[in-house]
PDB file of all heavy atoms in Angstrom:
ATOM      1  N   PHE A   1       2.244  -0.501  -7.309  1.00  0.00           N
ATOM      2  CA  PHE A   1       2.292   0.766  -6.576  1.00  0.00           C
ATOM      3  C   PHE A   1       2.667   0.526  -5.111  1.00  0.00           C
ATOM      4  O   PHE A   1       3.516   1.205  -4.550  1.00  0.00           O
ATOM      5  CB  PHE A   1       0.938   1.476  -6.690  1.00  0.00           C
ATOM      6  CG  PHE A   1       0.806   2.672  -5.789  1.00  0.00           C
ATOM      7  CD1 PHE A   1       1.379   3.893  -6.144  1.00  0.00           C
ATOM      8  CD2 PHE A   1       0.087   2.593  -4.601  1.00  0.00           C
ATOM      9  CE1 PHE A   1       1.249   5.005  -5.332  1.00  0.00           C
ATOM     10  CE2 PHE A   1      -0.053   3.701  -3.793  1.00  0.00           C
ATOM     11  CZ  PHE A   1       0.532   4.897  -4.157  1.00  0.00           C
ATOM     12  N   ILE A   2       2.044  -0.459  -4.489  1.00  0.00           N
ATOM     13  CA  ILE A   2       2.323  -0.796  -3.086  1.00  0.00           C
ATOM     14  C   ILE A   2       3.769  -1.249  -2.911  1.00  0.00           C
ATOM     15  O   ILE A   2       4.454  -0.851  -1.974  1.00  0.00           O
ATOM     16  CB  ILE A   2       1.352  -1.860  -2.591  1.00  0.00           C
ATOM     17  CG1 ILE A   2      -0.094  -1.286  -2.528  1.00  0.00           C
ATOM     18  CG2 ILE A   2       1.754  -2.360  -1.209  1.00  0.00           C
ATOM     19  CD1 ILE A   2      -1.155  -2.302  -2.237  1.00  0.00           C
ATOM     20  N   ASN A   3       4.250  -2.049  -3.830  1.00  0.00           N
ATOM     21  CA  ASN A   3       5.631  -2.555  -3.751  1.00  0.00           C
ATOM     22  C   ASN A   3       6.633  -1.417  -3.886  1.00  0.00           C
ATOM     23  O   ASN A   3       7.642  -1.373  -3.164  1.00  0.00           O
ATOM     24  CB  ASN A   3       5.878  -3.590  -4.854  1.00  0.00           C
ATOM     25  CG  ASN A   3       5.131  -4.887  -4.610  1.00  0.00           C
ATOM     26  OD1 ASN A   3       4.834  -5.216  -3.449  1.00  0.00           O
ATOM     27  ND2 ASN A   3       4.810  -5.609  -5.666  1.00  0.00           N
ATOM     28  N   ARG A   4       6.357  -0.476  -4.797  1.00  0.00           N
ATOM     29  CA  ARG A   4       7.270   0.658  -4.975  1.00  0.00           C
ATOM     30  C   ARG A   4       7.262   1.586  -3.755  1.00  0.00           C
ATOM     31  O   ARG A   4       8.265   2.180  -3.397  1.00  0.00           O
ATOM     32  CB  ARG A   4       6.910   1.421  -6.249  1.00  0.00           C
ATOM     33  CG  ARG A   4       7.385   0.688  -7.517  1.00  0.00           C
ATOM     34  CD  ARG A   4       7.116   1.480  -8.771  1.00  0.00           C
ATOM     35  NE  ARG A   4       5.699   1.534  -9.103  1.00  0.00           N
ATOM     36  CZ  ARG A   4       5.025   2.653  -9.358  1.00  0.00           C
ATOM     37  NH1 ARG A   4       5.627   3.820  -9.296  1.00  0.00           N
ATOM     38  NH2 ARG A   4       3.747   2.605  -9.681  1.00  0.00           N
ATOM     39  N   LEU A   5       6.094   1.688  -3.119  1.00  0.00           N
ATOM     40  CA  LEU A   5       6.011   2.463  -1.888  1.00  0.00           C
ATOM     41  C   LEU A   5       6.901   1.852  -0.804  1.00  0.00           C
ATOM     42  O   LEU A   5       7.609   2.570  -0.098  1.00  0.00           O
ATOM     43  CB  LEU A   5       4.567   2.529  -1.394  1.00  0.00           C
ATOM     44  CG  LEU A   5       3.662   3.640  -1.913  1.00  0.00           C
ATOM     45  CD1 LEU A   5       2.278   3.512  -1.260  1.00  0.00           C
ATOM     46  CD2 LEU A   5       4.240   5.017  -1.607  1.00  0.00           C
ATOM     47  N   ASN A   6       6.815   0.550  -0.654  1.00  0.00           N
ATOM     48  CA  ASN A   6       7.633  -0.123   0.366  1.00  0.00           C
ATOM     49  C   ASN A   6       9.118   0.089   0.121  1.00  0.00           C
ATOM     50  O   ASN A   6       9.904   0.314   1.057  1.00  0.00           O
ATOM     51  CB  ASN A   6       7.301  -1.609   0.388  1.00  0.00           C
ATOM     52  CG  ASN A   6       5.926  -1.904   0.956  1.00  0.00           C
ATOM     53  OD1 ASN A   6       5.389  -1.101   1.704  1.00  0.00           O
ATOM     54  ND2 ASN A   6       5.352  -3.034   0.572  1.00  0.00           N
ATOM     55  N   LYS A   7       9.512   0.023  -1.148  1.00  0.00           N
ATOM     56  CA  LYS A   7      10.924   0.244  -1.485  1.00  0.00           C
ATOM     57  C   LYS A   7      11.336   1.684  -1.208  1.00  0.00           C
ATOM     58  O   LYS A   7      12.507   1.948  -0.922  1.00  0.00           O
ATOM     59  CB  LYS A   7      11.153  -0.103  -2.952  1.00  0.00           C
ATOM     60  CG  LYS A   7      11.062  -1.607  -3.256  1.00  0.00           C
ATOM     61  CD  LYS A   7      11.288  -1.870  -4.741  1.00  0.00           C
ATOM     62  CE  LYS A   7      11.163  -3.360  -5.044  1.00  0.00           C
ATOM     63  NZ  LYS A   7      11.362  -3.649  -6.503  1.00  0.00           N
ATOM     64  N   ALA A   8      10.390   2.596  -1.283  1.00  0.00           N
ATOM     65  CA  ALA A   8      10.674   4.010  -1.033  1.00  0.00           C
ATOM     66  C   ALA A   8      10.677   4.364   0.450  1.00  0.00           C
ATOM     67  O   ALA A   8      10.930   5.512   0.808  1.00  0.00           O
ATOM     68  CB  ALA A   8       9.642   4.884  -1.762  1.00  0.00           C
ATOM     69  N   GLY A   9      10.397   3.346   1.279  1.00  0.00           N
ATOM     70  CA  GLY A   9      10.448   3.580   2.733  1.00  0.00           C
ATOM     71  C   GLY A   9       9.116   3.783   3.392  1.00  0.00           C
ATOM     72  O   GLY A   9       9.059   4.097   4.590  1.00  0.00           O
ATOM     73  N   ILE A  10       7.999   3.604   2.672  1.00  0.00           N
ATOM     74  CA  ILE A  10       6.651   3.752   3.227  1.00  0.00           C
ATOM     75  C   ILE A  10       6.056   2.371   3.381  1.00  0.00           C
ATOM     76  O   ILE A  10       5.649   1.751   2.385  1.00  0.00           O
ATOM     77  CB  ILE A  10       5.778   4.638   2.363  1.00  0.00           C
ATOM     78  CG1 ILE A  10       6.378   6.035   2.210  1.00  0.00           C
ATOM     79  CG2 ILE A  10       4.362   4.739   2.936  1.00  0.00           C
ATOM     80  CD1 ILE A  10       6.534   6.793   3.506  1.00  0.00           C
ATOM     81  N   LYS A  11       6.018   1.860   4.604  1.00  0.00           N
ATOM     82  CA  LYS A  11       5.450   0.531   4.868  1.00  0.00           C
ATOM     83  C   LYS A  11       3.946   0.692   5.134  1.00  0.00           C
ATOM     84  O   LYS A  11       3.554   1.171   6.184  1.00  0.00           O
ATOM     85  CB  LYS A  11       6.141  -0.096   6.073  1.00  0.00           C
ATOM     86  CG  LYS A  11       7.654  -0.172   5.958  1.00  0.00           C
ATOM     87  CD  LYS A  11       8.104  -1.057   4.804  1.00  0.00           C
ATOM     88  CE  LYS A  11       9.613  -1.134   4.711  1.00  0.00           C
ATOM     89  NZ  LYS A  11      10.055  -1.930   3.563  1.00  0.00           N
ATOM     90  N   THR A  12       3.174   0.339   4.172  1.00  0.00           N
ATOM     91  CA  THR A  12       1.706   0.494   4.314  1.00  0.00           C
ATOM     92  C   THR A  12       1.113  -0.622   5.167  1.00  0.00           C
ATOM     93  O   THR A  12       1.557  -1.769   5.142  1.00  0.00           O
ATOM     94  CB  THR A  12       1.049   0.471   2.915  1.00  0.00           C
ATOM     95  OG1 THR A  12       1.455  -0.735   2.231  1.00  0.00           O
ATOM     96  CG2 THR A  12       1.416   1.687   2.121  1.00  0.00           C
ATOM     97  N   SER A  13       0.095  -0.264   5.908  1.00  0.00           N
ATOM     98  CA  SER A  13      -0.596  -1.227   6.761  1.00  0.00           C
ATOM     99  C   SER A  13      -1.495  -2.125   5.917  1.00  0.00           C
ATOM    100  O   SER A  13      -1.792  -1.822   4.749  1.00  0.00           O
ATOM    101  CB  SER A  13      -1.457  -0.523   7.821  1.00  0.00           C
ATOM    102  OG  SER A  13      -2.513   0.180   7.195  1.00  0.00           O
ATOM    103  N   LYS A  14      -1.942  -3.213   6.488  1.00  0.00           N
ATOM    104  CA  LYS A  14      -2.847  -4.124   5.770  1.00  0.00           C
ATOM    105  C   LYS A  14      -4.142  -3.437   5.400  1.00  0.00           C
ATOM    106  O   LYS A  14      -4.702  -3.660   4.339  1.00  0.00           O
ATOM    107  CB  LYS A  14      -3.102  -5.366   6.603  1.00  0.00           C
ATOM    108  CG  LYS A  14      -1.889  -6.293   6.746  1.00  0.00           C
ATOM    109  CD  LYS A  14      -2.242  -7.556   7.515  1.00  0.00           C
ATOM    110  CE  LYS A  14      -1.030  -8.480   7.604  1.00  0.00           C
ATOM    111  NZ  LYS A  14      -1.354  -9.719   8.366  1.00  0.00           N
ATOM    112  N   THR A  15      -4.627  -2.585   6.323  1.00  0.00           N
ATOM    113  CA  THR A  15      -5.876  -1.865   6.065  1.00  0.00           C
ATOM    114  C   THR A  15      -5.725  -0.934   4.866  1.00  0.00           C
ATOM    115  O   THR A  15      -6.592  -0.874   3.989  1.00  0.00           O
ATOM    116  CB  THR A  15      -6.277  -1.038   7.302  1.00  0.00           C
ATOM    117  OG1 THR A  15      -6.443  -1.924   8.413  1.00  0.00           O
ATOM    118  CG2 THR A  15      -7.595  -0.305   7.051  1.00  0.00           C
ATOM    119  N   THR A  16      -4.603  -0.196   4.821  1.00  0.00           N
ATOM    120  CA  THR A  16      -4.348   0.707   3.697  1.00  0.00           C
ATOM    121  C   THR A  16      -4.197  -0.056   2.395  1.00  0.00           C
ATOM    122  O   THR A  16      -4.730   0.350   1.345  1.00  0.00           O
ATOM    123  CB  THR A  16      -3.085   1.547   3.983  1.00  0.00           C
ATOM    124  OG1 THR A  16      -3.251   2.275   5.184  1.00  0.00           O
ATOM    125  CG2 THR A  16      -2.806   2.501   2.834  1.00  0.00           C
ATOM    126  N   GLN A  17      -3.490  -1.189   2.440  1.00  0.00           N
ATOM    127  CA  GLN A  17      -3.303  -1.998   1.231  1.00  0.00           C
ATOM    128  C   GLN A  17      -4.654  -2.493   0.702  1.00  0.00           C
ATOM    129  O   GLN A  17      -4.899  -2.464  -0.515  1.00  0.00           O
ATOM    130  CB  GLN A  17      -2.377  -3.177   1.525  1.00  0.00           C
ATOM    131  CG  GLN A  17      -0.944  -2.796   1.779  1.00  0.00           C
ATOM    132  CD  GLN A  17      -0.065  -3.983   2.080  1.00  0.00           C
ATOM    133  OE1 GLN A  17      -0.392  -5.116   1.709  1.00  0.00           O
ATOM    134  NE2 GLN A  17       1.058  -3.747   2.747  1.00  0.00           N
ATOM    135  N   THR A  18      -5.500  -2.897   1.633  1.00  0.00           N
ATOM    136  CA  THR A  18      -6.827  -3.403   1.219  1.00  0.00           C
ATOM    137  C   THR A  18      -7.636  -2.302   0.554  1.00  0.00           C
ATOM    138  O   THR A  18      -8.288  -2.520  -0.475  1.00  0.00           O
ATOM    139  CB  THR A  18      -7.600  -3.915   2.442  1.00  0.00           C
ATOM    140  OG1 THR A  18      -6.849  -4.983   3.046  1.00  0.00           O
ATOM    141  CG2 THR A  18      -8.980  -4.442   2.045  1.00  0.00           C
ATOM    142  N   ARG A  19      -7.583  -1.096   1.106  1.00  0.00           N
ATOM    143  CA  ARG A  19      -8.342   0.022   0.505  1.00  0.00           C
ATOM    144  C   ARG A  19      -7.811   0.351  -0.886  1.00  0.00           C
ATOM    145  O   ARG A  19      -8.589   0.662  -1.785  1.00  0.00           O
ATOM    146  CB  ARG A  19      -8.247   1.239   1.413  1.00  0.00           C
ATOM    147  CG  ARG A  19      -8.952   1.090   2.746  1.00  0.00           C
ATOM    148  CD  ARG A  19      -9.107   2.445   3.433  1.00  0.00           C
ATOM    149  NE  ARG A  19      -9.980   3.319   2.637  1.00  0.00           N
ATOM    150  CZ  ARG A  19     -10.017   4.634   2.780  1.00  0.00           C
ATOM    151  NH1 ARG A  19      -9.212   5.215   3.631  1.00  0.00           N
ATOM    152  NH2 ARG A  19     -10.816   5.346   2.009  1.00  0.00           N
ATOM    153  N   ILE A  20      -6.497   0.310  -1.056  1.00  0.00           N
ATOM    154  CA  ILE A  20      -5.919   0.594  -2.358  1.00  0.00           C
ATOM    155  C   ILE A  20      -6.328  -0.482  -3.371  1.00  0.00           C
ATOM    156  O   ILE A  20      -6.765  -0.181  -4.496  1.00  0.00           O
ATOM    157  CB  ILE A  20      -4.385   0.692  -2.279  1.00  0.00           C
ATOM    158  CG1 ILE A  20      -3.992   1.920  -1.429  1.00  0.00           C
ATOM    159  CG2 ILE A  20      -3.773   0.780  -3.675  1.00  0.00           C
ATOM    160  CD1 ILE A  20      -2.504   2.012  -1.135  1.00  0.00           C
ATOM    161  N   LEU A  21      -6.230  -1.732  -2.973  1.00  0.00           N
ATOM    162  CA  LEU A  21      -6.525  -2.836  -3.871  1.00  0.00           C
ATOM    163  C   LEU A  21      -8.004  -2.917  -4.213  1.00  0.00           C
ATOM    164  O   LEU A  21      -8.390  -3.388  -5.307  1.00  0.00           O
ATOM    165  CB  LEU A  21      -6.078  -4.179  -3.246  1.00  0.00           C
ATOM    166  CG  LEU A  21      -4.537  -4.334  -3.079  1.00  0.00           C
ATOM    167  CD1 LEU A  21      -4.237  -5.590  -2.300  1.00  0.00           C
ATOM    168  CD2 LEU A  21      -3.869  -4.364  -4.450  1.00  0.00           C
ATOM    169  N   LYS A  22      -8.840  -2.468  -3.321  1.00  0.00           N
ATOM    170  CA  LYS A  22     -10.292  -2.523  -3.566  1.00  0.00           C
ATOM    171  C   LYS A  22     -10.802  -1.274  -4.285  1.00  0.00           C
ATOM    172  O   LYS A  22     -12.020  -1.114  -4.442  1.00  0.00           O
ATOM    173  CB  LYS A  22     -11.034  -2.725  -2.262  1.00  0.00           C
ATOM    174  CG  LYS A  22     -10.929  -4.146  -1.691  1.00  0.00           C
ATOM    175  CD  LYS A  22     -11.848  -4.324  -0.493  1.00  0.00           C
ATOM    176  CE  LYS A  22     -11.835  -5.766  -0.003  1.00  0.00           C
ATOM    177  NZ  LYS A  22     -12.760  -5.983   1.103  1.00  0.00           N
ATOM    178  N   ASN A  23      -9.898  -0.399  -4.687  1.00  0.00           N
ATOM    179  CA  ASN A  23     -10.263   0.778  -5.461  1.00  0.00           C
ATOM    180  C   ASN A  23     -11.305   1.630  -4.723  1.00  0.00           C
ATOM    181  O   ASN A  23     -12.392   1.883  -5.224  1.00  0.00           O
ATOM    182  CB  ASN A  23     -10.792   0.361  -6.845  1.00  0.00           C
ATOM    183  CG  ASN A  23     -10.974   1.564  -7.751  1.00  0.00           C
ATOM    184  OD1 ASN A  23     -10.420   2.621  -7.512  1.00  0.00           O
ATOM    185  ND2 ASN A  23     -11.779   1.384  -8.797  1.00  0.00           N
ATOM    186  N   GLU A  24     -10.944   2.077  -3.498  1.00  0.00           N
ATOM    187  CA  GLU A  24     -11.875   2.851  -2.705  1.00  0.00           C
ATOM    188  C   GLU A  24     -11.685   4.356  -2.864  1.00  0.00           C
ATOM    189  O   GLU A  24     -11.971   5.127  -1.962  1.00  0.00           O
ATOM    190  CB  GLU A  24     -11.725   2.483  -1.221  1.00  0.00           C
ATOM    191  CG  GLU A  24     -12.205   1.072  -0.915  1.00  0.00           C
ATOM    192  CD  GLU A  24     -12.397   0.820   0.563  1.00  0.00           C
ATOM    193  OE1 GLU A  24     -12.495   1.802   1.327  1.00  0.00           O
ATOM    194  OE2 GLU A  24     -12.422  -0.358   0.946  1.00  0.00           O
TER     195      GLU A  24
END
């Protein structure tokens, strides 16, 4: 999901990536 977001032009921050990966 994060990789597809980056390809779509949305560069997520490390904090956002961590929250997504930790299922928050």
